[in-house]
């Protein structure tokens, strides 16, 4: 059973009340040029993962390098 909550982006950064829990998720809107979206979809299909999984992997990799 998935117990994740979708929370507001405001709740992950002080000084806002009701901080997000580690298992919470946040929906982020993303505007991309059509060709980039098509490229992401093709890359995800090549790797047999969803675009969401691909983006999370890319984000995780970049955060690991910069943190």
PDB file of N, CA and C in Angstrom:
ATOM      1  N   UNK A   1       0.835  -1.184   0.000  1.00  0.00           N
ATOM      2  CA  UNK A   1       0.000   0.000   0.000  1.00  0.00           C
ATOM      3  C   UNK A   1       0.875   1.241   0.000  1.00  0.00           C
ATOM      4  N   UNK A   2       0.615   2.162  -0.914  1.00  0.00           N
ATOM      5  CA  UNK A   2       1.372   3.395  -1.018  1.00  0.00           C
ATOM      6  C   UNK A   2       0.879   4.387   0.019  1.00  0.00           C
ATOM      7  N   UNK A   3       1.768   4.807   0.905  1.00  0.00           N
ATOM      8  CA  UNK A   3       1.379   5.740   1.959  1.00  0.00           C
ATOM      9  C   UNK A   3       1.906   7.140   1.711  1.00  0.00           C
ATOM     10  N   UNK A   4       2.466   7.395   0.530  1.00  0.00           N
ATOM     11  CA  UNK A   4       2.980   8.726   0.222  1.00  0.00           C
ATOM     12  C   UNK A   4       1.847   9.732   0.138  1.00  0.00           C
ATOM     13  N   UNK A   5       2.136  10.946   0.590  1.00  0.00           N
ATOM     14  CA  UNK A   5       1.191  12.047   0.454  1.00  0.00           C
ATOM     15  C   UNK A   5       1.737  12.999  -0.594  1.00  0.00           C
ATOM     16  N   UNK A   6       0.853  13.663  -1.306  1.00  0.00           N
ATOM     17  CA  UNK A   6       1.262  14.737  -2.196  1.00  0.00           C
ATOM     18  C   UNK A   6       1.125  16.021  -1.397  1.00  0.00           C
ATOM     19  N   UNK A   7       2.221  16.759  -1.279  1.00  0.00           N
ATOM     20  CA  UNK A   7       2.227  17.969  -0.463  1.00  0.00           C
ATOM     21  C   UNK A   7       2.592  19.170  -1.323  1.00  0.00           C
ATOM     22  N   UNK A   8       2.355  20.343  -0.790  1.00  0.00           N
ATOM     23  CA  UNK A   8       2.671  21.587  -1.471  1.00  0.00           C
ATOM     24  C   UNK A   8       4.177  21.813  -1.489  1.00  0.00           C
ATOM     25  N   UNK A   9       4.674  22.414  -2.559  1.00  0.00           N
ATOM     26  CA  UNK A   9       6.093  22.750  -2.645  1.00  0.00           C
ATOM     27  C   UNK A   9       6.494  23.667  -1.488  1.00  0.00           C
ATOM     28  N   UNK A  10       5.572  24.482  -1.017  1.00  0.00           N
ATOM     29  CA  UNK A  10       5.858  25.396   0.082  1.00  0.00           C
ATOM     30  C   UNK A  10       6.247  24.652   1.349  1.00  0.00           C
ATOM     31  N   UNK A  11       5.776  23.433   1.514  1.00  0.00           N
ATOM     32  CA  UNK A  11       6.000  22.719   2.762  1.00  0.00           C
ATOM     33  C   UNK A  11       7.390  22.098   2.869  1.00  0.00           C
ATOM     34  N   UNK A  12       8.181  22.145   1.821  1.00  0.00           N
ATOM     35  CA  UNK A  12       9.508  21.542   1.901  1.00  0.00           C
ATOM     36  C   UNK A  12      10.576  22.548   2.288  1.00  0.00           C
ATOM     37  N   UNK A  13      10.242  23.795   2.400  1.00  0.00           N
ATOM     38  CA  UNK A  13      11.236  24.819   2.699  1.00  0.00           C
ATOM     39  C   UNK A  13      10.720  25.761   3.772  1.00  0.00           C
ATOM     40  N   UNK A  14      11.508  26.006   4.822  1.00  0.00           N
ATOM     41  CA  UNK A  14      11.099  26.954   5.852  1.00  0.00           C
ATOM     42  C   UNK A  14      10.837  28.308   5.225  1.00  0.00           C
ATOM     43  N   UNK A  15      10.082  29.156   5.792  1.00  0.00           N
ATOM     44  CA  UNK A  15       9.488  29.117   7.122  1.00  0.00           C
ATOM     45  C   UNK A  15       8.058  28.581   7.135  1.00  0.00           C
ATOM     46  N   UNK A  16       7.673  27.827   6.142  1.00  0.00           N
ATOM     47  CA  UNK A  16       6.298  27.351   6.059  1.00  0.00           C
ATOM     48  C   UNK A  16       6.005  26.290   7.116  1.00  0.00           C
ATOM     49  N   UNK A  17       4.775  26.249   7.542  1.00  0.00           N
ATOM     50  CA  UNK A  17       4.342  25.258   8.536  1.00  0.00           C
ATOM     51  C   UNK A  17       4.120  23.911   7.860  1.00  0.00           C
ATOM     52  N   UNK A  18       3.868  22.906   8.658  1.00  0.00           N
ATOM     53  CA  UNK A  18       3.563  21.544   8.193  1.00  0.00           C
ATOM     54  C   UNK A  18       4.630  21.030   7.234  1.00  0.00           C
ATOM     55  N   UNK A  19       5.850  20.818   7.733  1.00  0.00           N
ATOM     56  CA  UNK A  19       6.914  20.343   6.844  1.00  0.00           C
ATOM     57  C   UNK A  19       6.590  18.977   6.245  1.00  0.00           C
ATOM     58  N   UNK A  20       7.123  18.748   5.070  1.00  0.00           N
ATOM     59  CA  UNK A  20       6.908  17.475   4.377  1.00  0.00           C
ATOM     60  C   UNK A  20       7.655  16.364   5.103  1.00  0.00           C
ATOM     61  N   UNK A  21       7.082  15.188   5.079  1.00  0.00           N
ATOM     62  CA  UNK A  21       7.722  14.003   5.635  1.00  0.00           C
ATOM     63  C   UNK A  21       8.620  13.386   4.566  1.00  0.00           C
ATOM     64  N   UNK A  22       9.621  12.585   4.951  1.00  0.00           N
ATOM     65  CA  UNK A  22      10.536  12.015   3.957  1.00  0.00           C
ATOM     66  C   UNK A  22       9.864  11.197   2.861  1.00  0.00           C
ATOM     67  N   UNK A  23       8.735  10.559   3.138  1.00  0.00           N
ATOM     68  CA  UNK A  23       8.068   9.732   2.123  1.00  0.00           C
ATOM     69  C   UNK A  23       7.035  10.490   1.310  1.00  0.00           C
ATOM     70  N   UNK A  24       6.847  11.778   1.600  1.00  0.00           N
ATOM     71  CA  UNK A  24       5.888  12.573   0.835  1.00  0.00           C
ATOM     72  C   UNK A  24       6.425  12.816  -0.569  1.00  0.00           C
ATOM     73  N   UNK A  25       5.540  13.138  -1.483  1.00  0.00           N
ATOM     74  CA  UNK A  25       5.932  13.465  -2.850  1.00  0.00           C
ATOM     75  C   UNK A  25       5.347  14.823  -3.219  1.00  0.00           C
ATOM     76  N   UNK A  26       5.987  15.472  -4.166  1.00  0.00           N
ATOM     77  CA  UNK A  26       5.543  16.777  -4.648  1.00  0.00           C
ATOM     78  C   UNK A  26       5.429  16.702  -6.158  1.00  0.00           C
ATOM     79  N   UNK A  27       4.334  17.185  -6.675  1.00  0.00           N
ATOM     80  CA  UNK A  27       4.145  17.242  -8.126  1.00  0.00           C
ATOM     81  C   UNK A  27       4.722  18.558  -8.621  1.00  0.00           C
ATOM     82  N   UNK A  28       5.594  18.477  -9.616  1.00  0.00           N
ATOM     83  CA  UNK A  28       6.240  19.661 -10.179  1.00  0.00           C
ATOM     84  C   UNK A  28       5.854  19.757 -11.644  1.00  0.00           C
ATOM     85  N   UNK A  29       5.314  20.895 -12.030  1.00  0.00           N
ATOM     86  CA  UNK A  29       4.995  21.131 -13.439  1.00  0.00           C
ATOM     87  C   UNK A  29       6.274  21.390 -14.219  1.00  0.00           C
ATOM     88  N   UNK A  30       6.338  20.932 -15.442  1.00  0.00           N
ATOM     89  CA  UNK A  30       7.538  21.084 -16.253  1.00  0.00           C
ATOM     90  C   UNK A  30       7.133  21.440 -17.675  1.00  0.00           C
ATOM     91  N   UNK A  31       7.590  22.589 -18.130  1.00  0.00           N
ATOM     92  CA  UNK A  31       7.344  22.998 -19.508  1.00  0.00           C
ATOM     93  C   UNK A  31       8.604  22.738 -20.321  1.00  0.00           C
ATOM     94  N   UNK A  32       8.447  21.956 -21.368  1.00  0.00           N
ATOM     95  CA  UNK A  32       9.577  21.607 -22.225  1.00  0.00           C
ATOM     96  C   UNK A  32       9.214  21.866 -23.675  1.00  0.00           C
ATOM     97  N   UNK A  33      10.205  22.222 -24.472  1.00  0.00           N
ATOM     98  CA  UNK A  33       9.953  22.250 -25.910  1.00  0.00           C
ATOM     99  C   UNK A  33       9.529  20.850 -26.363  1.00  0.00           C
ATOM    100  N   UNK A  34       8.697  20.795 -27.360  1.00  0.00           N
ATOM    101  CA  UNK A  34       8.151  19.525 -27.840  1.00  0.00           C
ATOM    102  C   UNK A  34       9.242  18.521 -28.174  1.00  0.00           C
ATOM    103  N   UNK A  35      10.311  18.968 -28.811  1.00  0.00           N
ATOM    104  CA  UNK A  35      11.369  18.038 -29.205  1.00  0.00           C
ATOM    105  C   UNK A  35      12.060  17.436 -27.985  1.00  0.00           C
ATOM    106  N   UNK A  36      12.273  18.232 -26.943  1.00  0.00           N
ATOM    107  CA  UNK A  36      12.902  17.684 -25.730  1.00  0.00           C
ATOM    108  C   UNK A  36      11.991  16.651 -25.077  1.00  0.00           C
ATOM    109  N   UNK A  37      10.703  16.922 -25.056  1.00  0.00           N
ATOM    110  CA  UNK A  37       9.759  15.954 -24.484  1.00  0.00           C
ATOM    111  C   UNK A  37       9.791  14.664 -25.285  1.00  0.00           C
ATOM    112  N   UNK A  38       9.828  14.771 -26.602  1.00  0.00           N
ATOM    113  CA  UNK A  38       9.896  13.580 -27.457  1.00  0.00           C
ATOM    114  C   UNK A  38      11.202  12.827 -27.218  1.00  0.00           C
ATOM    115  N   UNK A  39      12.298  13.566 -27.054  1.00  0.00           N
ATOM    116  CA  UNK A  39      13.596  12.925 -26.783  1.00  0.00           C
ATOM    117  C   UNK A  39      13.582  12.200 -25.438  1.00  0.00           C
ATOM    118  N   UNK A  40      12.980  12.824 -24.416  1.00  0.00           N
ATOM    119  CA  UNK A  40      12.867  12.176 -23.104  1.00  0.00           C
ATOM    120  C   UNK A  40      12.051  10.899 -23.200  1.00  0.00           C
ATOM    121  N   UNK A  41      10.945  10.964 -23.907  1.00  0.00           N
ATOM    122  CA  UNK A  41      10.090   9.792 -24.070  1.00  0.00           C
ATOM    123  C   UNK A  41      10.839   8.668 -24.778  1.00  0.00           C
ATOM    124  N   UNK A  42      11.564   9.015 -25.834  1.00  0.00           N
ATOM    125  CA  UNK A  42      12.321   8.008 -26.587  1.00  0.00           C
ATOM    126  C   UNK A  42      13.419   7.393 -25.715  1.00  0.00           C
ATOM    127  N   UNK A  43      14.132   8.220 -24.947  1.00  0.00           N
ATOM    128  CA  UNK A  43      15.189   7.716 -24.071  1.00  0.00           C
ATOM    129  C   UNK A  43      14.610   6.799 -22.997  1.00  0.00           C
ATOM    130  N   UNK A  44      13.486   7.205 -22.422  1.00  0.00           N
ATOM    131  CA  UNK A  44      12.840   6.371 -21.404  1.00  0.00           C
ATOM    132  C   UNK A  44      12.401   5.034 -22.002  1.00  0.00           C
ATOM    133  N   UNK A  45      11.843   5.065 -23.196  1.00  0.00           N
ATOM    134  CA  UNK A  45      11.422   3.827 -23.855  1.00  0.00           C
ATOM    135  C   UNK A  45      12.619   2.936 -24.152  1.00  0.00           C
ATOM    136  N   UNK A  46      13.734   3.535 -24.585  1.00  0.00           N
ATOM    137  CA  UNK A  46      14.953   2.758 -24.859  1.00  0.00           C
ATOM    138  C   UNK A  46      15.456   2.058 -23.602  1.00  0.00           C
ATOM    139  N   UNK A  47      15.285   2.714 -22.453  1.00  0.00           N
ATOM    140  CA  UNK A  47      15.752   2.144 -21.180  1.00  0.00           C
ATOM    141  C   UNK A  47      14.666   1.316 -20.486  1.00  0.00           C
ATOM    142  N   UNK A  48      13.510   1.261 -21.108  1.00  0.00           N
ATOM    143  CA  UNK A  48      12.353   0.520 -20.590  1.00  0.00           C
ATOM    144  C   UNK A  48      11.956   0.977 -19.180  1.00  0.00           C
ATOM    145  N   UNK A  49      11.915   2.301 -19.012  1.00  0.00           N
ATOM    146  CA  UNK A  49      11.447   2.913 -17.772  1.00  0.00           C
ATOM    147  C   UNK A  49      10.510   4.055 -18.134  1.00  0.00           C
ATOM    148  N   UNK A  50       9.803   4.572 -17.142  1.00  0.00           N
ATOM    149  CA  UNK A  50       8.907   5.698 -17.413  1.00  0.00           C
ATOM    150  C   UNK A  50       9.710   6.997 -17.470  1.00  0.00           C
ATOM    151  N   UNK A  51       9.115   8.026 -18.050  1.00  0.00           N
ATOM    152  CA  UNK A  51       9.763   9.337 -18.089  1.00  0.00           C
ATOM    153  C   UNK A  51       9.985   9.839 -16.662  1.00  0.00           C
ATOM    154  N   UNK A  52       9.034   9.589 -15.766  1.00  0.00           N
ATOM    155  CA  UNK A  52       9.197   9.985 -14.370  1.00  0.00           C
ATOM    156  C   UNK A  52      10.406   9.321 -13.733  1.00  0.00           C
ATOM    157  N   UNK A  53      10.580   8.020 -13.985  1.00  0.00           N
ATOM    158  CA  UNK A  53      11.744   7.313 -13.449  1.00  0.00           C
ATOM    159  C   UNK A  53      13.034   7.875 -14.027  1.00  0.00           C
ATOM    160  N   UNK A  54      13.023   8.179 -15.305  1.00  0.00           N
ATOM    161  CA  UNK A  54      14.200   8.744 -15.957  1.00  0.00           C
ATOM    162  C   UNK A  54      14.548  10.093 -15.337  1.00  0.00           C
ATOM    163  N   UNK A  55      13.552  10.955 -15.166  1.00  0.00           N
ATOM    164  CA  UNK A  55      13.806  12.278 -14.578  1.00  0.00           C
ATOM    165  C   UNK A  55      14.309  12.158 -13.144  1.00  0.00           C
ATOM    166  N   UNK A  56      13.721  11.244 -12.356  1.00  0.00           N
ATOM    167  CA  UNK A  56      14.197  11.061 -10.977  1.00  0.00           C
ATOM    168  C   UNK A  56      15.649  10.590 -10.963  1.00  0.00           C
ATOM    169  N   UNK A  57      16.027   9.691 -11.874  1.00  0.00           N
ATOM    170  CA  UNK A  57      17.419   9.226 -11.950  1.00  0.00           C
ATOM    171  C   UNK A  57      18.353  10.381 -12.304  1.00  0.00           C
ATOM    172  N   UNK A  58      17.957  11.197 -13.271  1.00  0.00           N
ATOM    173  CA  UNK A  58      18.783  12.339 -13.665  1.00  0.00           C
ATOM    174  C   UNK A  58      18.929  13.331 -12.512  1.00  0.00           C
ATOM    175  N   UNK A  59      17.837  13.609 -11.836  1.00  0.00           N
ATOM    176  CA  UNK A  59      17.870  14.532 -10.695  1.00  0.00           C
ATOM    177  C   UNK A  59      18.735  13.968  -9.581  1.00  0.00           C
ATOM    178  N   UNK A  60      18.541  12.695  -9.249  1.00  0.00           N
ATOM    179  CA  UNK A  60      19.344  12.060  -8.195  1.00  0.00           C
ATOM    180  C   UNK A  60      20.828  12.129  -8.518  1.00  0.00           C
ATOM    181  N   UNK A  61      21.173  11.849  -9.762  1.00  0.00           N
ATOM    182  CA  UNK A  61      22.581  11.872 -10.162  1.00  0.00           C
ATOM    183  C   UNK A  61      23.164  13.277 -10.013  1.00  0.00           C
ATOM    184  N   UNK A  62      22.428  14.284 -10.445  1.00  0.00           N
ATOM    185  CA  UNK A  62      22.919  15.657 -10.337  1.00  0.00           C
ATOM    186  C   UNK A  62      23.029  16.119  -8.894  1.00  0.00           C
ATOM    187  N   UNK A  63      22.054  15.745  -8.076  1.00  0.00           N
ATOM    188  CA  UNK A  63      22.103  16.116  -6.656  1.00  0.00           C
ATOM    189  C   UNK A  63      23.271  15.432  -5.942  1.00  0.00           C
ATOM    190  N   UNK A  64      23.572  14.198  -6.311  1.00  0.00           N
ATOM    191  CA  UNK A  64      24.689  13.485  -5.696  1.00  0.00           C
ATOM    192  C   UNK A  64      26.011  14.162  -6.023  1.00  0.00           C
ATOM    193  N   UNK A  65      26.122  14.717  -7.211  1.00  0.00           N
ATOM    194  CA  UNK A  65      27.349  15.395  -7.627  1.00  0.00           C
ATOM    195  C   UNK A  65      27.491  16.741  -6.925  1.00  0.00           C
ATOM    196  N   UNK A  66      26.384  17.450  -6.766  1.00  0.00           N
ATOM    197  CA  UNK A  66      26.461  18.811  -6.246  1.00  0.00           C
ATOM    198  C   UNK A  66      26.376  18.907  -4.727  1.00  0.00           C
ATOM    199  N   UNK A  67      25.963  17.842  -4.059  1.00  0.00           N
ATOM    200  CA  UNK A  67      25.804  17.911  -2.593  1.00  0.00           C
ATOM    201  C   UNK A  67      26.989  17.354  -1.860  1.00  0.00           C
TER     202      UNK A  67
END
